[in-house]
Amino acid sequence: MDEADNFRYVLWSLTIIFAFLVFFGPNPEGGSLMPTAVSLFSLFSSLLVIYLILKLVQKIRYRDNDSN
């Protein structure tokens, strides 16, 4: 999990950048930029969700170990 912690800021920033590009970017009929932005936004947001779920599981697991 330490390796994933090193990339959390990169995941947050790339997700935010591509979210702005998708929601405030060029017209969807304007070329190939929009499908690429949507696919990259989906990729980075899914990686971010997986990271947050793993952090939640780790936090719950450590809290359970500390109480025993």
PDB file of N, CA and C in Angstrom:
ATOM      1  N   MET A   1       0.816  -1.193   0.000  1.00  0.00           N
ATOM      2  CA  MET A   1       0.000   0.000   0.000  1.00  0.00           C
ATOM      3  C   MET A   1       0.857   1.253   0.000  1.00  0.00           C
ATOM      4  N   ASP A   2       2.121   1.113   0.427  1.00  0.00           N
ATOM      5  CA  ASP A   2       3.009   2.275   0.436  1.00  0.00           C
ATOM      6  C   ASP A   2       3.277   2.792  -0.976  1.00  0.00           C
ATOM      7  N   GLU A   3       3.383   1.866  -1.929  1.00  0.00           N
ATOM      8  CA  GLU A   3       3.606   2.292  -3.308  1.00  0.00           C
ATOM      9  C   GLU A   3       2.407   3.065  -3.839  1.00  0.00           C
ATOM     10  N   ALA A   4       1.215   2.640  -3.486  1.00  0.00           N
ATOM     11  CA  ALA A   4       0.013   3.356  -3.926  1.00  0.00           C
ATOM     12  C   ALA A   4      -0.085   4.719  -3.266  1.00  0.00           C
ATOM     13  N   ASP A   5       0.380   4.827  -2.021  1.00  0.00           N
ATOM     14  CA  ASP A   5       0.364   6.129  -1.350  1.00  0.00           C
ATOM     15  C   ASP A   5       1.262   7.139  -2.049  1.00  0.00           C
ATOM     16  N   ASN A   6       2.311   6.664  -2.684  1.00  0.00           N
ATOM     17  CA  ASN A   6       3.207   7.572  -3.407  1.00  0.00           C
ATOM     18  C   ASN A   6       2.537   8.196  -4.629  1.00  0.00           C
ATOM     19  N   PHE A   7       1.550   7.522  -5.198  1.00  0.00           N
ATOM     20  CA  PHE A   7       0.911   7.996  -6.420  1.00  0.00           C
ATOM     21  C   PHE A   7      -0.468   8.600  -6.194  1.00  0.00           C
ATOM     22  N   ARG A   8      -0.869   8.784  -4.950  1.00  0.00           N
ATOM     23  CA  ARG A   8      -2.221   9.284  -4.706  1.00  0.00           C
ATOM     24  C   ARG A   8      -2.422  10.691  -5.233  1.00  0.00           C
ATOM     25  N   TYR A   9      -1.413  11.543  -5.094  1.00  0.00           N
ATOM     26  CA  TYR A   9      -1.561  12.909  -5.597  1.00  0.00           C
ATOM     27  C   TYR A   9      -1.601  12.933  -7.121  1.00  0.00           C
ATOM     28  N   VAL A  10      -0.873  12.036  -7.741  1.00  0.00           N
ATOM     29  CA  VAL A  10      -0.906  11.939  -9.194  1.00  0.00           C
ATOM     30  C   VAL A  10      -2.285  11.475  -9.657  1.00  0.00           C
ATOM     31  N   LEU A  11      -2.852  10.494  -8.969  1.00  0.00           N
ATOM     32  CA  LEU A  11      -4.194  10.019  -9.325  1.00  0.00           C
ATOM     33  C   LEU A  11      -5.235  11.116  -9.154  1.00  0.00           C
ATOM     34  N   TRP A  12      -5.158  11.839  -8.035  1.00  0.00           N
ATOM     35  CA  TRP A  12      -6.117  12.940  -7.817  1.00  0.00           C
ATOM     36  C   TRP A  12      -5.981  14.002  -8.895  1.00  0.00           C
ATOM     37  N   SER A  13      -4.740  14.407  -9.183  1.00  0.00           N
ATOM     38  CA  SER A  13      -4.553  15.494 -10.148  1.00  0.00           C
ATOM     39  C   SER A  13      -4.948  15.079 -11.558  1.00  0.00           C
ATOM     40  N   LEU A  14      -4.595  13.875 -11.988  1.00  0.00           N
ATOM     41  CA  LEU A  14      -4.969  13.432 -13.329  1.00  0.00           C
ATOM     42  C   LEU A  14      -6.477  13.249 -13.460  1.00  0.00           C
ATOM     43  N   THR A  15      -7.122  12.763 -12.406  1.00  0.00           N
ATOM     44  CA  THR A  15      -8.572  12.629 -12.440  1.00  0.00           C
ATOM     45  C   THR A  15      -9.235  13.995 -12.554  1.00  0.00           C
ATOM     46  N   ILE A  16      -8.753  14.970 -11.804  1.00  0.00           N
ATOM     47  CA  ILE A  16      -9.331  16.317 -11.859  1.00  0.00           C
ATOM     48  C   ILE A  16      -9.076  16.965 -13.217  1.00  0.00           C
ATOM     49  N   ILE A  17      -7.879  16.804 -13.753  1.00  0.00           N
ATOM     50  CA  ILE A  17      -7.555  17.391 -15.062  1.00  0.00           C
ATOM     51  C   ILE A  17      -8.468  16.825 -16.147  1.00  0.00           C
ATOM     52  N   PHE A  18      -8.608  15.511 -16.181  1.00  0.00           N
ATOM     53  CA  PHE A  18      -9.449  14.918 -17.218  1.00  0.00           C
ATOM     54  C   PHE A  18     -10.933  15.154 -16.964  1.00  0.00           C
ATOM     55  N   ALA A  19     -11.319  15.347 -15.701  1.00  0.00           N
ATOM     56  CA  ALA A  19     -12.710  15.714 -15.429  1.00  0.00           C
ATOM     57  C   ALA A  19     -13.014  17.100 -15.998  1.00  0.00           C
ATOM     58  N   PHE A  20     -12.103  18.047 -15.815  1.00  0.00           N
ATOM     59  CA  PHE A  20     -12.295  19.364 -16.411  1.00  0.00           C
ATOM     60  C   PHE A  20     -12.322  19.288 -17.935  1.00  0.00           C
ATOM     61  N   LEU A  21     -11.458  18.451 -18.486  1.00  0.00           N
ATOM     62  CA  LEU A  21     -11.428  18.310 -19.939  1.00  0.00           C
ATOM     63  C   LEU A  21     -12.718  17.695 -20.466  1.00  0.00           C
ATOM     64  N   VAL A  22     -13.264  16.733 -19.746  1.00  0.00           N
ATOM     65  CA  VAL A  22     -14.496  16.083 -20.196  1.00  0.00           C
ATOM     66  C   VAL A  22     -15.691  17.007 -20.038  1.00  0.00           C
ATOM     67  N   PHE A  23     -15.803  17.648 -18.870  1.00  0.00           N
ATOM     68  CA  PHE A  23     -17.005  18.426 -18.600  1.00  0.00           C
ATOM     69  C   PHE A  23     -16.973  19.839 -19.179  1.00  0.00           C
ATOM     70  N   PHE A  24     -15.794  20.425 -19.347  1.00  0.00           N
ATOM     71  CA  PHE A  24     -15.694  21.787 -19.863  1.00  0.00           C
ATOM     72  C   PHE A  24     -14.874  21.870 -21.145  1.00  0.00           C
ATOM     73  N   GLY A  25     -14.586  20.729 -21.737  1.00  0.00           N
ATOM     74  CA  GLY A  25     -13.718  20.678 -22.895  1.00  0.00           C
ATOM     75  C   GLY A  25     -14.431  20.963 -24.204  1.00  0.00           C
ATOM     76  N   PRO A  26     -13.818  20.558 -25.296  1.00  0.00           N
ATOM     77  CA  PRO A  26     -14.373  20.836 -26.613  1.00  0.00           C
ATOM     78  C   PRO A  26     -15.665  20.067 -26.881  1.00  0.00           C
ATOM     79  N   ASN A  27     -16.273  20.428 -27.966  1.00  0.00           N
ATOM     80  CA  ASN A  27     -17.517  19.798 -28.393  1.00  0.00           C
ATOM     81  C   ASN A  27     -17.270  18.312 -28.675  1.00  0.00           C
ATOM     82  N   PRO A  28     -18.159  17.405 -28.215  1.00  0.00           N
ATOM     83  CA  PRO A  28     -17.936  15.970 -28.432  1.00  0.00           C
ATOM     84  C   PRO A  28     -17.856  15.579 -29.904  1.00  0.00           C
ATOM     85  N   GLU A  29     -18.519  16.335 -30.782  1.00  0.00           N
ATOM     86  CA  GLU A  29     -18.463  16.006 -32.203  1.00  0.00           C
ATOM     87  C   GLU A  29     -17.229  16.599 -32.869  1.00  0.00           C
ATOM     88  N   GLY A  30     -16.378  17.250 -32.103  1.00  0.00           N
ATOM     89  CA  GLY A  30     -15.268  17.990 -32.670  1.00  0.00           C
ATOM     90  C   GLY A  30     -14.032  17.193 -33.005  1.00  0.00           C
ATOM     91  N   GLY A  31     -14.019  15.911 -32.821  1.00  0.00           N
ATOM     92  CA  GLY A  31     -12.843  15.138 -33.181  1.00  0.00           C
ATOM     93  C   GLY A  31     -12.581  14.014 -32.198  1.00  0.00           C
ATOM     94  N   SER A  32     -11.334  13.597 -32.129  1.00  0.00           N
ATOM     95  CA  SER A  32     -10.990  12.427 -31.330  1.00  0.00           C
ATOM     96  C   SER A  32     -10.530  12.785 -29.927  1.00  0.00           C
ATOM     97  N   LEU A  33     -10.481  14.070 -29.575  1.00  0.00           N
ATOM     98  CA  LEU A  33     -10.015  14.444 -28.242  1.00  0.00           C
ATOM     99  C   LEU A  33     -11.010  14.030 -27.165  1.00  0.00           C
ATOM    100  N   MET A  34     -12.286  14.181 -27.424  1.00  0.00           N
ATOM    101  CA  MET A  34     -13.285  13.896 -26.403  1.00  0.00           C
ATOM    102  C   MET A  34     -13.365  12.410 -26.042  1.00  0.00           C
ATOM    103  N   PRO A  35     -13.415  11.475 -26.993  1.00  0.00           N
ATOM    104  CA  PRO A  35     -13.412  10.056 -26.592  1.00  0.00           C
ATOM    105  C   PRO A  35     -12.149   9.655 -25.840  1.00  0.00           C
ATOM    106  N   THR A  36     -11.019  10.228 -26.216  1.00  0.00           N
ATOM    107  CA  THR A  36      -9.774   9.949 -25.505  1.00  0.00           C
ATOM    108  C   THR A  36      -9.839  10.490 -24.085  1.00  0.00           C
ATOM    109  N   ALA A  37     -10.354  11.704 -23.933  1.00  0.00           N
ATOM    110  CA  ALA A  37     -10.476  12.291 -22.602  1.00  0.00           C
ATOM    111  C   ALA A  37     -11.433  11.495 -21.733  1.00  0.00           C
ATOM    112  N   VAL A  38     -12.532  11.034 -22.310  1.00  0.00           N
ATOM    113  CA  VAL A  38     -13.498  10.237 -21.541  1.00  0.00           C
ATOM    114  C   VAL A  38     -12.884   8.915 -21.108  1.00  0.00           C
ATOM    115  N   SER A  39     -12.151   8.265 -21.995  1.00  0.00           N
ATOM    116  CA  SER A  39     -11.551   6.980 -21.630  1.00  0.00           C
ATOM    117  C   SER A  39     -10.457   7.165 -20.577  1.00  0.00           C
ATOM    118  N   LEU A  40      -9.657   8.224 -20.679  1.00  0.00           N
ATOM    119  CA  LEU A  40      -8.628   8.465 -19.672  1.00  0.00           C
ATOM    120  C   LEU A  40      -9.242   8.895 -18.346  1.00  0.00           C
ATOM    121  N   PHE A  41     -10.307   9.678 -18.397  1.00  0.00           N
ATOM    122  CA  PHE A  41     -11.016  10.042 -17.171  1.00  0.00           C
ATOM    123  C   PHE A  41     -11.580   8.796 -16.499  1.00  0.00           C
ATOM    124  N   SER A  42     -12.143   7.887 -17.278  1.00  0.00           N
ATOM    125  CA  SER A  42     -12.671   6.641 -16.718  1.00  0.00           C
ATOM    126  C   SER A  42     -11.560   5.801 -16.099  1.00  0.00           C
ATOM    127  N   LEU A  43     -10.428   5.739 -16.765  1.00  0.00           N
ATOM    128  CA  LEU A  43      -9.301   4.963 -16.253  1.00  0.00           C
ATOM    129  C   LEU A  43      -8.810   5.514 -14.925  1.00  0.00           C
ATOM    130  N   PHE A  44      -8.509   6.813 -14.885  1.00  0.00           N
ATOM    131  CA  PHE A  44      -7.938   7.382 -13.665  1.00  0.00           C
ATOM    132  C   PHE A  44      -8.956   7.455 -12.535  1.00  0.00           C
ATOM    133  N   SER A  45     -10.223   7.688 -12.852  1.00  0.00           N
ATOM    134  CA  SER A  45     -11.216   7.715 -11.780  1.00  0.00           C
ATOM    135  C   SER A  45     -11.444   6.319 -11.211  1.00  0.00           C
ATOM    136  N   SER A  46     -11.402   5.288 -12.047  1.00  0.00           N
ATOM    137  CA  SER A  46     -11.552   3.933 -11.521  1.00  0.00           C
ATOM    138  C   SER A  46     -10.340   3.534 -10.680  1.00  0.00           C
ATOM    139  N   LEU A  47      -9.141   3.937 -11.087  1.00  0.00           N
ATOM    140  CA  LEU A  47      -7.957   3.676 -10.259  1.00  0.00           C
ATOM    141  C   LEU A  47      -8.046   4.405  -8.926  1.00  0.00           C
ATOM    142  N   LEU A  48      -8.566   5.621  -8.959  1.00  0.00           N
ATOM    143  CA  LEU A  48      -8.727   6.384  -7.721  1.00  0.00           C
ATOM    144  C   LEU A  48      -9.752   5.728  -6.802  1.00  0.00           C
ATOM    145  N   VAL A  49     -10.835   5.236  -7.355  1.00  0.00           N
ATOM    146  CA  VAL A  49     -11.848   4.554  -6.544  1.00  0.00           C
ATOM    147  C   VAL A  49     -11.279   3.272  -5.939  1.00  0.00           C
ATOM    148  N   ILE A  50     -10.515   2.521  -6.708  1.00  0.00           N
ATOM    149  CA  ILE A  50      -9.886   1.305  -6.187  1.00  0.00           C
ATOM    150  C   ILE A  50      -8.925   1.653  -5.063  1.00  0.00           C
ATOM    151  N   TYR A  51      -8.144   2.715  -5.244  1.00  0.00           N
ATOM    152  CA  TYR A  51      -7.207   3.145  -4.207  1.00  0.00           C
ATOM    153  C   TYR A  51      -7.955   3.532  -2.930  1.00  0.00           C
ATOM    154  N   LEU A  52      -9.043   4.299  -3.062  1.00  0.00           N
ATOM    155  CA  LEU A  52      -9.791   4.728  -1.880  1.00  0.00           C
ATOM    156  C   LEU A  52     -10.450   3.557  -1.167  1.00  0.00           C
ATOM    157  N   ILE A  53     -10.925   2.567  -1.915  1.00  0.00           N
ATOM    158  CA  ILE A  53     -11.506   1.378  -1.295  1.00  0.00           C
ATOM    159  C   ILE A  53     -10.439   0.592  -0.542  1.00  0.00           C
ATOM    160  N   LEU A  54      -9.253   0.459  -1.139  1.00  0.00           N
ATOM    161  CA  LEU A  54      -8.175  -0.252  -0.460  1.00  0.00           C
ATOM    162  C   LEU A  54      -7.729   0.474   0.804  1.00  0.00           C
ATOM    163  N   LYS A  55      -7.694   1.812   0.769  1.00  0.00           N
ATOM    164  CA  LYS A  55      -7.340   2.574   1.967  1.00  0.00           C
ATOM    165  C   LYS A  55      -8.386   2.390   3.056  1.00  0.00           C
ATOM    166  N   LEU A  56      -9.657   2.350   2.683  1.00  0.00           N
ATOM    167  CA  LEU A  56     -10.722   2.141   3.651  1.00  0.00           C
ATOM    168  C   LEU A  56     -10.607   0.761   4.291  1.00  0.00           C
ATOM    169  N   VAL A  57     -10.352  -0.249   3.477  1.00  0.00           N
ATOM    170  CA  VAL A  57     -10.185  -1.605   3.996  1.00  0.00           C
ATOM    171  C   VAL A  57      -8.976  -1.667   4.925  1.00  0.00           C
ATOM    172  N   GLN A  58      -7.894  -1.019   4.538  1.00  0.00           N
ATOM    173  CA  GLN A  58      -6.693  -1.000   5.368  1.00  0.00           C
ATOM    174  C   GLN A  58      -6.966  -0.302   6.700  1.00  0.00           C
ATOM    175  N   LYS A  59      -7.679   0.803   6.667  1.00  0.00           N
ATOM    176  CA  LYS A  59      -7.973   1.532   7.888  1.00  0.00           C
ATOM    177  C   LYS A  59      -8.873   0.714   8.819  1.00  0.00           C
ATOM    178  N   ILE A  60      -9.867   0.055   8.250  1.00  0.00           N
ATOM    179  CA  ILE A  60     -10.760  -0.786   9.061  1.00  0.00           C
ATOM    180  C   ILE A  60      -9.996  -1.966   9.645  1.00  0.00           C
ATOM    181  N   ARG A  61      -9.127  -2.566   8.871  1.00  0.00           N
ATOM    182  CA  ARG A  61      -8.377  -3.714   9.321  1.00  0.00           C
ATOM    183  C   ARG A  61      -7.408  -3.338  10.443  1.00  0.00           C
ATOM    184  N   TYR A  62      -6.731  -2.190  10.321  1.00  0.00           N
ATOM    185  CA  TYR A  62      -5.819  -1.751  11.379  1.00  0.00           C
ATOM    186  C   TYR A  62      -6.568  -1.355  12.642  1.00  0.00           C
ATOM    187  N   ARG A  63      -7.758  -0.764  12.473  1.00  0.00           N
ATOM    188  CA  ARG A  63      -8.552  -0.399  13.640  1.00  0.00           C
ATOM    189  C   ARG A  63      -9.027  -1.649  14.369  1.00  0.00           C
ATOM    190  N   ASP A  64      -9.387  -2.695  13.631  1.00  0.00           N
ATOM    191  CA  ASP A  64      -9.808  -3.945  14.254  1.00  0.00           C
ATOM    192  C   ASP A  64      -8.632  -4.634  14.970  1.00  0.00           C
ATOM    193  N   ASN A  65      -7.445  -4.552  14.398  1.00  0.00           N
ATOM    194  CA  ASN A  65      -6.269  -5.149  15.019  1.00  0.00           C
ATOM    195  C   ASN A  65      -5.858  -4.395  16.279  1.00  0.00           C
ATOM    196  N   ASP A  66      -6.034  -3.086  16.300  1.00  0.00           N
ATOM    197  CA  ASP A  66      -5.679  -2.310  17.481  1.00  0.00           C
ATOM    198  C   ASP A  66      -6.621  -2.558  18.640  1.00  0.00           C
ATOM    199  N   SER A  67      -7.883  -2.847  18.346  1.00  0.00           N
ATOM    200  CA  SER A  67      -8.853  -3.063  19.418  1.00  0.00           C
ATOM    201  C   SER A  67      -8.680  -4.428  20.093  1.00  0.00           C
ATOM    202  N   ASN A  68      -8.065  -5.375  19.409  1.00  0.00           N
ATOM    203  CA  ASN A  68      -7.885  -6.726  19.986  1.00  0.00           C
ATOM    204  C   ASN A  68      -6.667  -6.805  20.825  1.00  0.00           C
TER     205      ASN A  68
END
